Protein backbone atom coordinates (compact mmCIF):
# COMPACT_ATOMS: atom_id res chain seq x y z
CA MET A 1 -0.17 0.03 0.06
CA PRO A 2 2.80 2.06 0.45
CA VAL A 3 3.14 2.74 -3.13
CA ALA A 4 -0.19 3.72 -3.73
CA SER A 5 -0.07 6.13 -1.58
CA VAL A 6 3.36 7.61 -1.66
CA GLY A 7 4.04 6.80 -5.39
CA SER A 8 7.31 4.71 -4.88
CA ALA A 9 8.52 1.86 -2.31
CA ASP A 10 11.59 0.91 -0.37
CA ALA A 11 12.88 -2.29 -1.46
CA LEU A 12 14.41 -3.24 1.78
CA ARG A 13 11.07 -2.45 3.30
CA GLY A 14 10.43 -5.82 4.69
CA GLN A 15 14.28 -6.91 5.56
CA ASN A 16 14.66 -9.00 8.51
CA LYS A 17 11.19 -10.19 9.27
CA GLU A 18 11.98 -14.12 8.92
CA PHE A 19 11.79 -14.33 12.02
CA GLU A 20 7.93 -12.96 12.24
CA ALA A 21 7.11 -14.90 9.08
CA ILE A 22 8.37 -18.13 10.49
CA SER A 23 7.39 -18.11 14.38
CA PRO A 24 3.38 -18.07 13.71
CA ALA A 25 3.99 -21.36 11.76
CA VAL A 26 6.16 -22.92 13.95
CA ALA A 27 3.72 -22.21 17.09
CA GLY A 28 0.81 -23.26 14.78
CA GLY A 29 2.57 -26.84 14.62
CA THR A 30 4.73 -26.64 11.76
CA LEU A 31 7.98 -28.82 12.05
CA LEU A 32 11.19 -27.41 11.08
CA THR A 33 13.03 -30.57 10.25
CA GLY A 34 10.14 -31.45 8.16
CA GLY A 35 7.92 -29.31 7.05
CA TYR A 36 4.75 -31.13 8.31
CA GLY A 37 1.60 -28.85 9.48
CA SER A 38 -1.97 -27.48 8.33
CA ALA A 39 -3.10 -23.99 7.21
CA LEU A 40 -5.65 -24.33 10.20
CA GLY A 41 -2.88 -24.21 12.61
CA SER A 42 -0.54 -21.98 10.90
CA ALA A 43 -3.27 -19.49 10.98
CA PHE A 44 -4.37 -20.40 14.60
CA GLY A 45 -0.42 -20.06 15.31
CA ALA A 46 -0.78 -16.15 13.59
CA PHE A 47 -3.76 -15.19 15.78
CA ILE A 48 -1.94 -16.28 18.67
CA LEU A 49 1.12 -13.83 18.36
CA GLY A 50 -0.67 -11.35 16.79
CA THR A 51 -2.82 -11.02 19.98
CA THR A 52 0.36 -11.54 21.87
CA GLN A 53 1.74 -8.21 20.00
CA LEU A 54 -1.06 -6.56 20.21
CA GLY A 55 -1.69 -7.05 24.26
CA ILE A 56 1.66 -6.11 24.60
CA ASN A 57 0.87 -2.48 22.83
CA PHE A 58 -1.99 -2.27 24.63
CA VAL A 59 -0.59 -3.09 28.07
CA GLY A 60 2.30 0.15 27.37
CA ILE A 61 5.34 -2.09 27.54
CA ASN A 62 7.91 -1.25 25.49
CA SER A 63 8.14 -2.94 22.15
CA ASP A 64 11.75 -3.82 21.93
CA TRP A 65 10.40 -6.93 23.76
CA TYR A 66 8.16 -8.92 21.31
CA GLN A 67 10.71 -7.98 18.46
């Protein structure tokens, strides 16, 4: 969406986001060794980690603890 509003995008915008992409899948039950898991489990893991991040922001804890 930044391209639509600003007219350009930064090529490094998603850099170092691998942990945020892999963590929900692992929390949902996907194995790192074989990749066995379900889409429902990964969605559940994303829900849990997203809720945790929102809770940390709402309580007022420094966001560095989540990253």
